[in-house]
PDB file of N, CA and C in Angstrom:
ATOM      1  N   UNK A   1       1.009  -1.308   0.026  1.00  0.00           N
ATOM      2  CA  UNK A   1       0.184   0.212   0.192  1.00  0.00           C
ATOM      3  C   UNK A   1       0.891   1.261  -0.010  1.00  0.00           C
ATOM      4  N   UNK A   2       0.616   2.088  -0.952  1.00  0.00           N
ATOM      5  CA  UNK A   2       1.501   3.277  -1.229  1.00  0.00           C
ATOM      6  C   UNK A   2       0.963   4.368  -0.209  1.00  0.00           C
ATOM      7  N   UNK A   3       1.928   5.183   0.552  1.00  0.00           N
ATOM      8  CA  UNK A   3       1.255   6.163   1.412  1.00  0.00           C
ATOM      9  C   UNK A   3       0.797   7.476   0.495  1.00  0.00           C
ATOM     10  N   UNK A   4      -0.045   8.453   1.144  1.00  0.00           N
ATOM     11  CA  UNK A   4      -0.718   9.438   0.839  1.00  0.00           C
ATOM     12  C   UNK A   4       0.512  10.552   0.715  1.00  0.00           C
ATOM     13  N   UNK A   5       0.886  10.881  -0.442  1.00  0.00           N
ATOM     14  CA  UNK A   5       1.976  12.132  -0.380  1.00  0.00           C
ATOM     15  C   UNK A   5       1.142  13.471  -0.328  1.00  0.00           C
ATOM     16  N   UNK A   6      -0.142  13.695  -0.239  1.00  0.00           N
ATOM     17  CA  UNK A   6      -0.820  15.050   0.004  1.00  0.00           C
ATOM     18  C   UNK A   6      -1.124  15.492  -1.335  1.00  0.00           C
ATOM     19  N   UNK A   7      -0.972  15.133  -2.670  1.00  0.00           N
ATOM     20  CA  UNK A   7      -1.587  15.760  -3.782  1.00  0.00           C
ATOM     21  C   UNK A   7      -2.365  14.614  -4.628  1.00  0.00           C
ATOM     22  N   UNK A   8      -2.993  14.945  -5.423  1.00  0.00           N
ATOM     23  CA  UNK A   8      -3.816  13.993  -6.459  1.00  0.00           C
ATOM     24  C   UNK A   8      -2.785  13.508  -7.532  1.00  0.00           C
ATOM     25  N   UNK A   9      -2.424  12.437  -7.389  1.00  0.00           N
ATOM     26  CA  UNK A   9      -1.700  11.587  -8.125  1.00  0.00           C
ATOM     27  C   UNK A   9      -2.012  10.006  -8.028  1.00  0.00           C
ATOM     28  N   UNK A  10      -1.852   9.527  -9.100  1.00  0.00           N
ATOM     29  CA  UNK A  10      -2.044   8.066  -8.930  1.00  0.00           C
ATOM     30  C   UNK A  10      -0.953   7.161  -8.566  1.00  0.00           C
ATOM     31  N   UNK A  11      -0.868   6.621  -7.486  1.00  0.00           N
ATOM     32  CA  UNK A  11       0.286   5.961  -6.926  1.00  0.00           C
ATOM     33  C   UNK A  11       0.651   4.758  -7.668  1.00  0.00           C
ATOM     34  N   UNK A  12       2.191   4.496  -7.737  1.00  0.00           N
ATOM     35  CA  UNK A  12       2.521   3.592  -8.697  1.00  0.00           C
ATOM     36  C   UNK A  12       1.943   2.011  -8.325  1.00  0.00           C
ATOM     37  N   UNK A  13       1.906   1.096  -9.280  1.00  0.00           N
ATOM     38  CA  UNK A  13       1.230  -0.212  -8.795  1.00  0.00           C
ATOM     39  C   UNK A  13       2.432  -0.978  -8.201  1.00  0.00           C
ATOM     40  N   UNK A  14       3.746  -0.890  -8.525  1.00  0.00           N
ATOM     41  CA  UNK A  14       4.516  -1.704  -8.124  1.00  0.00           C
ATOM     42  C   UNK A  14       5.229  -1.183  -6.713  1.00  0.00           C
ATOM     43  N   UNK A  15       5.636  -2.067  -5.757  1.00  0.00           N
ATOM     44  CA  UNK A  15       6.352  -1.748  -4.728  1.00  0.00           C
ATOM     45  C   UNK A  15       7.938  -1.696  -4.684  1.00  0.00           C
ATOM     46  N   UNK A  16       8.557  -0.718  -4.196  1.00  0.00           N
ATOM     47  CA  UNK A  16       9.902  -0.629  -4.073  1.00  0.00           C
ATOM     48  C   UNK A  16      10.380  -0.431  -2.833  1.00  0.00           C
ATOM     49  N   UNK A  17      11.941  -0.657  -2.498  1.00  0.00           N
ATOM     50  CA  UNK A  17      12.467  -0.453  -1.304  1.00  0.00           C
ATOM     51  C   UNK A  17      13.287   0.769  -1.200  1.00  0.00           C
ATOM     52  N   UNK A  18      13.194   1.742  -2.069  1.00  0.00           N
ATOM     53  CA  UNK A  18      14.015   2.774  -2.240  1.00  0.00           C
ATOM     54  C   UNK A  18      13.565   3.788  -1.264  1.00  0.00           C
ATOM     55  N   UNK A  19      14.603   4.392  -0.434  1.00  0.00           N
ATOM     56  CA  UNK A  19      14.644   5.177   0.855  1.00  0.00           C
ATOM     57  C   UNK A  19      14.171   6.665   0.280  1.00  0.00           C
ATOM     58  N   UNK A  20      14.274   6.945  -0.879  1.00  0.00           N
ATOM     59  CA  UNK A  20      14.124   8.390  -1.355  1.00  0.00           C
ATOM     60  C   UNK A  20      12.644   8.269  -2.132  1.00  0.00           C
ATOM     61  N   UNK A  21      11.988   7.202  -2.105  1.00  0.00           N
ATOM     62  CA  UNK A  21      10.605   7.063  -2.870  1.00  0.00           C
ATOM     63  C   UNK A  21       9.456   7.868  -1.900  1.00  0.00           C
ATOM     64  N   UNK A  22       8.749   8.859  -2.562  1.00  0.00           N
ATOM     65  CA  UNK A  22       7.938   9.567  -1.575  1.00  0.00           C
ATOM     66  C   UNK A  22       6.665   8.611  -1.165  1.00  0.00           C
ATOM     67  N   UNK A  23       6.431   7.310  -2.009  1.00  0.00           N
ATOM     68  CA  UNK A  23       5.358   6.635  -1.521  1.00  0.00           C
ATOM     69  C   UNK A  23       5.761   5.331  -0.781  1.00  0.00           C
ATOM     70  N   UNK A  24       6.756   4.817  -0.837  1.00  0.00           N
ATOM     71  CA  UNK A  24       7.136   3.690  -0.278  1.00  0.00           C
ATOM     72  C   UNK A  24       8.359   4.026   0.653  1.00  0.00           C
ATOM     73  N   UNK A  25       9.123   5.140   0.625  1.00  0.00           N
ATOM     74  CA  UNK A  25      10.133   5.522   1.375  1.00  0.00           C
ATOM     75  C   UNK A  25       9.692   6.374   2.547  1.00  0.00           C
ATOM     76  N   UNK A  26      10.789   7.431   2.909  1.00  0.00           N
ATOM     77  CA  UNK A  26      10.539   8.303   4.074  1.00  0.00           C
ATOM     78  C   UNK A  26      10.678   9.771   3.620  1.00  0.00           C
ATOM     79  N   UNK A  27      10.591   9.859   2.254  1.00  0.00           N
ATOM     80  CA  UNK A  27      10.987  11.214   1.748  1.00  0.00           C
ATOM     81  C   UNK A  27       9.691  12.099   1.679  1.00  0.00           C
ATOM     82  N   UNK A  28       9.750  13.186   2.357  1.00  0.00           N
ATOM     83  CA  UNK A  28       8.698  14.112   2.400  1.00  0.00           C
ATOM     84  C   UNK A  28       8.492  14.911   1.154  1.00  0.00           C
ATOM     85  N   UNK A  29       7.771  15.482   0.528  1.00  0.00           N
ATOM     86  CA  UNK A  29       7.531  16.207  -0.633  1.00  0.00           C
ATOM     87  C   UNK A  29       6.937  17.399  -0.085  1.00  0.00           C
ATOM     88  N   UNK A  30       6.979  18.602  -0.838  1.00  0.00           N
ATOM     89  CA  UNK A  30       6.535  19.917  -0.503  1.00  0.00           C
ATOM     90  C   UNK A  30       6.734  20.852  -1.613  1.00  0.00           C
ATOM     91  N   UNK A  31       6.088  21.964  -1.682  1.00  0.00           N
ATOM     92  CA  UNK A  31       6.599  23.194  -2.495  1.00  0.00           C
ATOM     93  C   UNK A  31       5.902  22.998  -4.040  1.00  0.00           C
ATOM     94  N   UNK A  32       6.971  23.358  -4.946  1.00  0.00           N
ATOM     95  CA  UNK A  32       6.730  23.392  -6.357  1.00  0.00           C
ATOM     96  C   UNK A  32       6.371  22.073  -6.974  1.00  0.00           C
ATOM     97  N   UNK A  33       5.511  22.229  -8.036  1.00  0.00           N
ATOM     98  CA  UNK A  33       5.161  20.916  -8.865  1.00  0.00           C
ATOM     99  C   UNK A  33       5.235  21.208 -10.225  1.00  0.00           C
ATOM    100  N   UNK A  34       6.104  20.697 -10.922  1.00  0.00           N
ATOM    101  CA  UNK A  34       6.312  20.908 -12.376  1.00  0.00           C
ATOM    102  C   UNK A  34       6.060  19.641 -13.343  1.00  0.00           C
ATOM    103  N   UNK A  35       5.561  20.052 -14.841  1.00  0.00           N
ATOM    104  CA  UNK A  35       5.164  18.972 -15.462  1.00  0.00           C
ATOM    105  C   UNK A  35       6.181  19.050 -16.547  1.00  0.00           C
ATOM    106  N   UNK A  36       6.975  18.037 -17.283  1.00  0.00           N
ATOM    107  CA  UNK A  36       7.780  18.168 -18.268  1.00  0.00           C
ATOM    108  C   UNK A  36       8.107  16.915 -18.825  1.00  0.00           C
ATOM    109  N   UNK A  37       8.897  16.824 -19.938  1.00  0.00           N
ATOM    110  CA  UNK A  37       9.284  15.838 -20.623  1.00  0.00           C
ATOM    111  C   UNK A  37      10.577  15.320 -20.106  1.00  0.00           C
ATOM    112  N   UNK A  38      10.955  13.930 -20.152  1.00  0.00           N
ATOM    113  CA  UNK A  38      12.212  13.413 -19.877  1.00  0.00           C
ATOM    114  C   UNK A  38      12.815  13.329 -21.128  1.00  0.00           C
ATOM    115  N   UNK A  39      14.338  14.099 -20.988  1.00  0.00           N
ATOM    116  CA  UNK A  39      14.944  14.177 -22.047  1.00  0.00           C
ATOM    117  C   UNK A  39      16.242  13.398 -21.753  1.00  0.00           C
ATOM    118  N   UNK A  40      16.498  12.847 -20.506  1.00  0.00           N
ATOM    119  CA  UNK A  40      17.838  11.930 -20.441  1.00  0.00           C
ATOM    120  C   UNK A  40      17.431  11.184 -19.217  1.00  0.00           C
ATOM    121  N   UNK A  41      17.809   9.887 -19.299  1.00  0.00           N
ATOM    122  CA  UNK A  41      17.738   8.877 -18.125  1.00  0.00           C
ATOM    123  C   UNK A  41      19.003   8.114 -18.039  1.00  0.00           C
ATOM    124  N   UNK A  42      20.252   8.715 -18.332  1.00  0.00           N
ATOM    125  CA  UNK A  42      21.325   7.994 -18.173  1.00  0.00           C
ATOM    126  C   UNK A  42      22.203   8.040 -17.127  1.00  0.00           C
ATOM    127  N   UNK A  43      21.729   8.629 -16.126  1.00  0.00           N
ATOM    128  CA  UNK A  43      22.181   8.609 -14.769  1.00  0.00           C
ATOM    129  C   UNK A  43      21.381   7.681 -13.934  1.00  0.00           C
ATOM    130  N   UNK A  44      21.982   6.889 -12.902  1.00  0.00           N
ATOM    131  CA  UNK A  44      21.428   6.101 -12.161  1.00  0.00           C
ATOM    132  C   UNK A  44      20.466   6.625 -11.237  1.00  0.00           C
ATOM    133  N   UNK A  45      19.240   6.393 -11.252  1.00  0.00           N
ATOM    134  CA  UNK A  45      17.992   6.666 -10.370  1.00  0.00           C
ATOM    135  C   UNK A  45      17.880   8.182 -10.492  1.00  0.00           C
ATOM    136  N   UNK A  46      18.186   8.772 -11.644  1.00  0.00           N
ATOM    137  CA  UNK A  46      18.050  10.355 -11.965  1.00  0.00           C
ATOM    138  C   UNK A  46      17.645  10.663 -13.204  1.00  0.00           C
ATOM    139  N   UNK A  47      16.771  11.287 -13.734  1.00  0.00           N
ATOM    140  CA  UNK A  47      16.129  11.758 -14.865  1.00  0.00           C
ATOM    141  C   UNK A  47      16.473  13.455 -14.886  1.00  0.00           C
ATOM    142  N   UNK A  48      16.572  13.660 -16.339  1.00  0.00           N
ATOM    143  CA  UNK A  48      16.524  15.144 -16.557  1.00  0.00           C
ATOM    144  C   UNK A  48      15.216  15.489 -17.385  1.00  0.00           C
ATOM    145  N   UNK A  49      14.619  16.536 -16.834  1.00  0.00           N
ATOM    146  CA  UNK A  49      13.270  16.917 -17.012  1.00  0.00           C
ATOM    147  C   UNK A  49      13.322  18.256 -17.737  1.00  0.00           C
ATOM    148  N   UNK A  50      12.921  18.282 -19.103  1.00  0.00           N
ATOM    149  CA  UNK A  50      12.746  19.475 -19.615  1.00  0.00           C
ATOM    150  C   UNK A  50      11.418  20.269 -19.314  1.00  0.00           C
ATOM    151  N   UNK A  51      11.484  21.659 -19.167  1.00  0.00           N
ATOM    152  CA  UNK A  51      10.383  22.314 -18.728  1.00  0.00           C
ATOM    153  C   UNK A  51      10.023  23.529 -19.682  1.00  0.00           C
ATOM    154  N   UNK A  52       9.302  23.590 -20.755  1.00  0.00           N
ATOM    155  CA  UNK A  52       9.270  24.918 -21.561  1.00  0.00           C
ATOM    156  C   UNK A  52       8.004  25.689 -21.042  1.00  0.00           C
ATOM    157  N   UNK A  53       8.426  27.065 -21.256  1.00  0.00           N
ATOM    158  CA  UNK A  53       7.518  28.083 -20.570  1.00  0.00           C
ATOM    159  C   UNK A  53       7.705  29.366 -21.490  1.00  0.00           C
ATOM    160  N   UNK A  54       6.931  30.335 -21.362  1.00  0.00           N
ATOM    161  CA  UNK A  54       6.956  31.541 -22.007  1.00  0.00           C
ATOM    162  C   UNK A  54       7.395  32.560 -21.114  1.00  0.00           C
ATOM    163  N   UNK A  55       8.351  33.567 -21.580  1.00  0.00           N
ATOM    164  CA  UNK A  55       8.873  34.410 -20.963  1.00  0.00           C
ATOM    165  C   UNK A  55       8.756  36.091 -21.458  1.00  0.00           C
ATOM    166  N   UNK A  56       8.055  37.023 -20.915  1.00  0.00           N
ATOM    167  CA  UNK A  56       7.813  38.155 -21.304  1.00  0.00           C
ATOM    168  C   UNK A  56       9.020  39.030 -21.645  1.00  0.00           C
ATOM    169  N   UNK A  57       9.001  39.774 -22.664  1.00  0.00           N
ATOM    170  CA  UNK A  57      10.242  40.692 -22.941  1.00  0.00           C
ATOM    171  C   UNK A  57       9.394  42.016 -23.069  1.00  0.00           C
ATOM    172  N   UNK A  58       9.803  43.022 -21.838  1.00  0.00           N
ATOM    173  CA  UNK A  58       9.035  44.070 -21.626  1.00  0.00           C
ATOM    174  C   UNK A  58       9.441  44.988 -22.997  1.00  0.00           C
ATOM    175  N   UNK A  59      10.492  44.994 -23.481  1.00  0.00           N
ATOM    176  CA  UNK A  59      11.259  45.925 -24.325  1.00  0.00           C
ATOM    177  C   UNK A  59      10.327  45.748 -25.781  1.00  0.00           C
ATOM    178  N   UNK A  60      10.037  44.465 -26.328  1.00  0.00           N
ATOM    179  CA  UNK A  60       9.383  44.326 -27.359  1.00  0.00           C
ATOM    180  C   UNK A  60       7.919  44.036 -27.136  1.00  0.00           C
ATOM    181  N   UNK A  61       7.401  43.857 -25.959  1.00  0.00           N
ATOM    182  CA  UNK A  61       6.121  43.582 -25.618  1.00  0.00           C
ATOM    183  C   UNK A  61       5.525  42.330 -26.121  1.00  0.00           C
ATOM    184  N   UNK A  62       6.551  41.411 -26.225  1.00  0.00           N
ATOM    185  CA  UNK A  62       6.063  39.952 -26.784  1.00  0.00           C
ATOM    186  C   UNK A  62       6.756  38.782 -25.811  1.00  0.00           C
ATOM    187  N   UNK A  63       6.306  37.581 -25.990  1.00  0.00           N
ATOM    188  CA  UNK A  63       6.735  36.440 -25.197  1.00  0.00           C
ATOM    189  C   UNK A  63       7.928  35.734 -26.035  1.00  0.00           C
ATOM    190  N   UNK A  64       8.728  35.133 -25.431  1.00  0.00           N
ATOM    191  CA  UNK A  64       9.863  34.310 -26.134  1.00  0.00           C
ATOM    192  C   UNK A  64       9.832  32.965 -25.416  1.00  0.00           C
ATOM    193  N   UNK A  65       9.984  31.925 -26.139  1.00  0.00           N
ATOM    194  CA  UNK A  65       9.988  30.441 -25.648  1.00  0.00           C
ATOM    195  C   UNK A  65      11.201  30.172 -24.750  1.00  0.00           C
ATOM    196  N   UNK A  66      11.237  29.770 -23.824  1.00  0.00           N
ATOM    197  CA  UNK A  66      12.348  29.356 -23.003  1.00  0.00           C
ATOM    198  C   UNK A  66      12.107  28.085 -22.469  1.00  0.00           C
ATOM    199  N   UNK A  67      13.313  27.333 -22.130  1.00  0.00           N
ATOM    200  CA  UNK A  67      12.962  26.000 -21.226  1.00  0.00           C
ATOM    201  C   UNK A  67      14.120  25.911 -20.171  1.00  0.00           C
ATOM    202  N   UNK A  68      13.768  24.805 -19.385  1.00  0.00           N
ATOM    203  CA  UNK A  68      15.095  24.656 -18.213  1.00  0.00           C
ATOM    204  C   UNK A  68      14.999  23.328 -18.066  1.00  0.00           C
ATOM    205  N   UNK A  69      16.198  22.832 -17.744  1.00  0.00           N
ATOM    206  CA  UNK A  69      16.586  21.349 -17.371  1.00  0.00           C
ATOM    207  C   UNK A  69      16.300  21.316 -15.923  1.00  0.00           C
ATOM    208  N   UNK A  70      15.805  20.117 -15.350  1.00  0.00           N
ATOM    209  CA  UNK A  70      15.819  20.005 -13.991  1.00  0.00           C
ATOM    210  C   UNK A  70      15.959  18.463 -13.547  1.00  0.00           C
ATOM    211  N   UNK A  71      17.136  18.314 -12.688  1.00  0.00           N
ATOM    212  CA  UNK A  71      17.264  16.964 -12.557  1.00  0.00           C
ATOM    213  C   UNK A  71      16.450  16.383 -11.524  1.00  0.00           C
ATOM    214  N   UNK A  72      15.644  15.165 -11.634  1.00  0.00           N
ATOM    215  CA  UNK A  72      14.708  14.645 -10.609  1.00  0.00           C
ATOM    216  C   UNK A  72      15.211  13.213 -10.210  1.00  0.00           C
ATOM    217  N   UNK A  73      14.995  12.959  -8.937  1.00  0.00           N
ATOM    218  CA  UNK A  73      15.157  11.439  -8.413  1.00  0.00           C
ATOM    219  C   UNK A  73      14.026  10.905  -9.097  1.00  0.00           C
ATOM    220  N   UNK A  74      14.444   9.365  -9.458  1.00  0.00           N
ATOM    221  CA  UNK A  74      13.274   8.552 -10.139  1.00  0.00           C
ATOM    222  C   UNK A  74      13.376   7.349  -9.420  1.00  0.00           C
ATOM    223  N   UNK A  75      12.261   7.200  -8.430  1.00  0.00           N
ATOM    224  CA  UNK A  75      12.031   5.965  -7.689  1.00  0.00           C
ATOM    225  C   UNK A  75      11.988   4.602  -8.709  1.00  0.00           C
ATOM    226  N   UNK A  76      12.371   3.620  -7.929  1.00  0.00           N
ATOM    227  CA  UNK A  76      12.468   2.437  -8.768  1.00  0.00           C
ATOM    228  C   UNK A  76      11.029   1.837  -9.256  1.00  0.00           C
ATOM    229  N   UNK A  77      10.211   2.222  -8.424  1.00  0.00           N
ATOM    230  CA  UNK A  77       8.628   1.836  -8.684  1.00  0.00           C
ATOM    231  C   UNK A  77       8.125   2.436  -9.858  1.00  0.00           C
ATOM    232  N   UNK A  78       8.670   3.542 -10.314  1.00  0.00           N
ATOM    233  CA  UNK A  78       8.081   4.329 -11.283  1.00  0.00           C
ATOM    234  C   UNK A  78       9.101   4.246 -12.511  1.00  0.00           C
ATOM    235  N   UNK A  79       8.442   3.722 -13.601  1.00  0.00           N
ATOM    236  CA  UNK A  79       9.312   3.378 -14.973  1.00  0.00           C
ATOM    237  C   UNK A  79       9.134   4.344 -15.760  1.00  0.00           C
ATOM    238  N   UNK A  80      10.059   5.176 -16.079  1.00  0.00           N
ATOM    239  CA  UNK A  80       9.897   6.259 -17.033  1.00  0.00           C
ATOM    240  C   UNK A  80      11.408   6.009 -17.879  1.00  0.00           C
ATOM    241  N   UNK A  81      11.139   6.711 -19.281  1.00  0.00           N
ATOM    242  CA  UNK A  81      12.052   6.665 -20.138  1.00  0.00           C
ATOM    243  C   UNK A  81      12.059   7.806 -20.948  1.00  0.00           C
ATOM    244  N   UNK A  82      13.129   8.122 -21.991  1.00  0.00           N
ATOM    245  CA  UNK A  82      13.200   9.341 -22.510  1.00  0.00           C
ATOM    246  C   UNK A  82      11.900   9.657 -23.445  1.00  0.00           C
ATOM    247  N   UNK A  83      11.273  10.662 -23.538  1.00  0.00           N
ATOM    248  CA  UNK A  83       9.985  11.107 -24.013  1.00  0.00           C
ATOM    249  C   UNK A  83       8.781  11.198 -23.293  1.00  0.00           C
ATOM    250  N   UNK A  84       8.906  10.509 -22.054  1.00  0.00           N
ATOM    251  CA  UNK A  84       7.651  10.444 -21.338  1.00  0.00           C
ATOM    252  C   UNK A  84       7.373  11.660 -20.608  1.00  0.00           C
ATOM    253  N   UNK A  85       6.131  12.016 -20.527  1.00  0.00           N
ATOM    254  CA  UNK A  85       5.625  13.177 -19.687  1.00  0.00           C
ATOM    255  C   UNK A  85       5.511  12.746 -18.319  1.00  0.00           C
ATOM    256  N   UNK A  86       6.159  13.502 -17.334  1.00  0.00           N
ATOM    257  CA  UNK A  86       6.228  13.279 -15.942  1.00  0.00           C
ATOM    258  C   UNK A  86       5.935  14.456 -15.087  1.00  0.00           C
ATOM    259  N   UNK A  87       5.225  14.311 -13.793  1.00  0.00           N
ATOM    260  CA  UNK A  87       4.972  15.216 -12.894  1.00  0.00           C
ATOM    261  C   UNK A  87       6.057  15.058 -12.017  1.00  0.00           C
ATOM    262  N   UNK A  88       6.839  16.186 -11.738  1.00  0.00           N
ATOM    263  CA  UNK A  88       7.840  16.136 -10.553  1.00  0.00           C
ATOM    264  C   UNK A  88       7.363  17.305  -9.356  1.00  0.00           C
ATOM    265  N   UNK A  89       7.914  16.817  -8.255  1.00  0.00           N
ATOM    266  CA  UNK A  89       7.533  17.819  -7.147  1.00  0.00           C
ATOM    267  C   UNK A  89       8.971  18.125  -6.174  1.00  0.00           C
ATOM    268  N   UNK A  90       8.806  19.106  -5.583  1.00  0.00           N
ATOM    269  CA  UNK A  90      10.091  19.412  -4.767  1.00  0.00           C
ATOM    270  C   UNK A  90      10.097  18.656  -3.476  1.00  0.00           C
ATOM    271  N   UNK A  91      11.451  18.242  -3.221  1.00  0.00           N
ATOM    272  CA  UNK A  91      11.672  17.561  -1.917  1.00  0.00           C
ATOM    273  C   UNK A  91      12.897  18.163  -1.279  1.00  0.00           C
ATOM    274  N   UNK A  92      13.326  17.625  -0.181  1.00  0.00           N
ATOM    275  CA  UNK A  92      14.466  17.812   0.363  1.00  0.00           C
ATOM    276  C   UNK A  92      15.678  17.669  -0.634  1.00  0.00           C
ATOM    277  N   UNK A  93      16.953  18.285  -0.512  1.00  0.00           N
ATOM    278  CA  UNK A  93      17.891  18.107  -1.484  1.00  0.00           C
ATOM    279  C   UNK A  93      18.563  16.641  -1.078  1.00  0.00           C
ATOM    280  N   UNK A  94      18.560  15.893  -2.300  1.00  0.00           N
ATOM    281  CA  UNK A  94      19.166  14.358  -2.245  1.00  0.00           C
ATOM    282  C   UNK A  94      20.363  14.550  -2.539  1.00  0.00           C
ATOM    283  N   UNK A  95      20.746  15.218  -3.319  1.00  0.00           N
ATOM    284  CA  UNK A  95      22.329  15.352  -3.898  1.00  0.00           C
ATOM    285  C   UNK A  95      22.558  16.759  -4.038  1.00  0.00           C
ATOM    286  N   UNK A  96      23.805  17.106  -4.664  1.00  0.00           N
ATOM    287  CA  UNK A  96      24.124  18.506  -4.823  1.00  0.00           C
ATOM    288  C   UNK A  96      23.385  19.023  -5.951  1.00  0.00           C
ATOM    289  N   UNK A  97      22.784  18.364  -6.943  1.00  0.00           N
ATOM    290  CA  UNK A  97      22.115  18.745  -8.118  1.00  0.00           C
ATOM    291  C   UNK A  97      20.462  18.637  -7.866  1.00  0.00           C
ATOM    292  N   UNK A  98      20.327  17.600  -7.136  1.00  0.00           N
ATOM    293  CA  UNK A  98      18.785  16.815  -7.239  1.00  0.00           C
ATOM    294  C   UNK A  98      18.158  17.406  -5.863  1.00  0.00           C
ATOM    295  N   UNK A  99      17.067  18.085  -6.129  1.00  0.00           N
ATOM    296  CA  UNK A  99      16.018  18.626  -5.252  1.00  0.00           C
ATOM    297  C   UNK A  99      14.564  18.338  -5.562  1.00  0.00           C
ATOM    298  N   UNK A 100      14.422  17.590  -6.641  1.00  0.00           N
ATOM    299  CA  UNK A 100      13.029  17.144  -6.983  1.00  0.00           C
ATOM    300  C   UNK A 100      12.824  15.562  -7.173  1.00  0.00           C
ATOM    301  N   UNK A 101      11.689  15.168  -6.979  1.00  0.00           N
ATOM    302  CA  UNK A 101      11.521  13.628  -7.398  1.00  0.00           C
ATOM    303  C   UNK A 101      10.167  13.484  -8.110  1.00  0.00           C
ATOM    304  N   UNK A 102      10.262  12.253  -8.908  1.00  0.00           N
ATOM    305  CA  UNK A 102       9.270  11.991  -9.807  1.00  0.00           C
ATOM    306  C   UNK A 102       8.133  11.126  -9.081  1.00  0.00           C
ATOM    307  N   UNK A 103       6.846  11.971  -9.259  1.00  0.00           N
ATOM    308  CA  UNK A 103       5.676  11.305  -8.423  1.00  0.00           C
ATOM    309  C   UNK A 103       4.641  10.899  -9.254  1.00  0.00           C
ATOM    310  N   UNK A 104       4.775  10.914 -10.658  1.00  0.00           N
ATOM    311  CA  UNK A 104       3.667  10.600 -11.551  1.00  0.00           C
ATOM    312  C   UNK A 104       4.278  10.468 -12.929  1.00  0.00           C
ATOM    313  N   UNK A 105       3.843   9.431 -13.703  1.00  0.00           N
ATOM    314  CA  UNK A 105       4.069   9.406 -15.117  1.00  0.00           C
ATOM    315  C   UNK A 105       2.714   9.521 -15.991  1.00  0.00           C
ATOM    316  N   UNK A 106       2.758  10.696 -16.686  1.00  0.00           N
ATOM    317  CA  UNK A 106       1.552  10.967 -17.257  1.00  0.00           C
ATOM    318  C   UNK A 106       1.231  10.172 -18.360  1.00  0.00           C
ATOM    319  N   UNK A 107      -0.019   9.451 -18.376  1.00  0.00           N
ATOM    320  CA  UNK A 107      -0.578   8.364 -19.377  1.00  0.00           C
ATOM    321  C   UNK A 107      -0.920   9.257 -20.717  1.00  0.00           C
ATOM    322  N   UNK A 108      -0.455   8.850 -22.114  1.00  0.00           N
ATOM    323  CA  UNK A 108      -1.024   9.597 -23.000  1.00  0.00           C
ATOM    324  C   UNK A 108      -1.881   8.859 -23.912  1.00  0.00           C
TER     325      UNK A 108
END
């Protein structure tokens, strides 16, 4: 049984023994929630998520497209690969660069 993390997401079907899993471990989640596309899964238990957004340029009174890459921890119970749309949520810092965790894989 997966524990309730406080937001409306579908919990993973499989169980894991990852300490940094918000559903089966002891990692609390809080703060910001983003959606993005996984662009890299080459690191161990970590994925890079690309988030596209619009940025307003006051001088030209127009928007420009920008993006950011955010490293996120991937629990072993959530199976994601490159091209998947995921929801990530802020957590305590896990390593030097990782402060987000994957909480849901969006089904398309």
